[in-house]
Amino acid sequence: NYDSIFRSPSVAPFAVHDQLCRNVGLLRIFPSMSLENVRACLQSPIEGIVLQTFGTGNMPSNRTDIIDELKKAVDRGCIIINCSQCVRGQVDVQYLTGKVLYDIGIIPGSDMTTEAALTKLSYVLSKDCWKLSEKKAMMIKNIRGELTVTKAEPLRDLEIVSQMARFLHLSTSHEMELLCHAIFPQLLGYAANSGDIEMLKALHENGVDLSAVDYNGRNALHVAASAGHISAVKYLLAQGVSFHLRDQWDESALVSAVKLKNKICIETLRSAGAVLSVNSLRLGVELCLCASCGDMEALNCWLAAGADINQQDYNGKTALHIAVKSRNKQLVYYLLDRGADPYKTDHFDLTPLRHAEKLHLQDLVIRMKNMKKV
């Protein structure tokens, strides 16, 4: 059921909103409940109530006293959400009592669970910058996958699928499903590798899961980042394709962008919240390798991706150790300007400063000694 998974359309780092409204409550409807209980639940300072009703959002139609009390609460600005007590199903305002509740301003909660509705209500009511009408509109909007939004049935009528099915003599729905799982990731990879946004959109509109992975465990975002197609990267991020996924080589899309030395792509992924998920020892080796080659562009990309400039390799050496031993003064100054530690000791108890002294690189020695010890 990949189509049912909610994927955030927001291209931004994850943020937590912890200032929730406490003036919310639950009101569970049952046949013999007293009006006094209802009044007590709806008293000020209550700002929101989750109403737990029967079946598809119904309550006893002869309890006009309770309905009147609910209307008074709605009129004074209290947001009331109608949720079913049933484990499955959703609120339907087509039934008489459900429509009566809807007509007095009670918001149908669709298939939200009581817990989800209460949490959402606490969040929405805490937004003082929103008007009451905006808060009510947000309660019927799918914010984080808490309610099911009815979608048009995916077309799944791509010509290539039907042609291949005929060629392979496939007939059952299960065989067709297996065929789709086999070819869709490859089509996504082709579109991402060529930066074909229109093809990506067409595949998505035909029900293809943009987060599908190929035989290497790579999704379309890996491929787009490896090819350096920024527009494709931005589109896939906007569709909720995960940048956390690692392929069979344990590499994320961010690492793919670093290897391509595409700083714009790196910054795009970082702004969306991507973090560098590389084994610390391996990262140290990568940085030292870049330093040994004098590859400042690659080092700059690793740092832009969030790498620690003082990360050590298997010998405890940092990129600065290697740069000093290579007598690459330009690279040494570059690393020092970006926070490299000249006092970092390796497994042989040697520091970059000590290497510079041994090699009689006096200008580097003076520069390093002027730096404070971390």
Foldseek 3Di string as FASTA:
>chain_A
DLVLADFALDLAADDDDDQWAPLEEEAEADDPDDLVVLLVNLDPPRQEYEYEDEDQQAHPPPPVVSLVSVLVSVVVRRAYEGAYPDPDFFHDCPDDRSVSSVVSPHHGQGHADPVRLRRLLRVLVSPPVDDSVVSSVVSNDCDRSRHTDDDDDAQLVPPVLVVVCVVVVHDDPVVSVVVCLQCVQVQLLVCLLVVPVVSVVVCVSNPRDQQRAHPQQDGSLLSNLLNVNQVSNSVCVSSRHDQCGATNVRAGSLVSNLVVLRQVNLLSNVRSHDAGDDDLQVLQVVLLVCLLVVPVSSNVSCVSRPDDQCRHHPQQDGSLLNNLLSVVVVVNVVSVVVPHAQCRQTNVRDGSLNSCVVVVVVVSNVVNVVDDHD
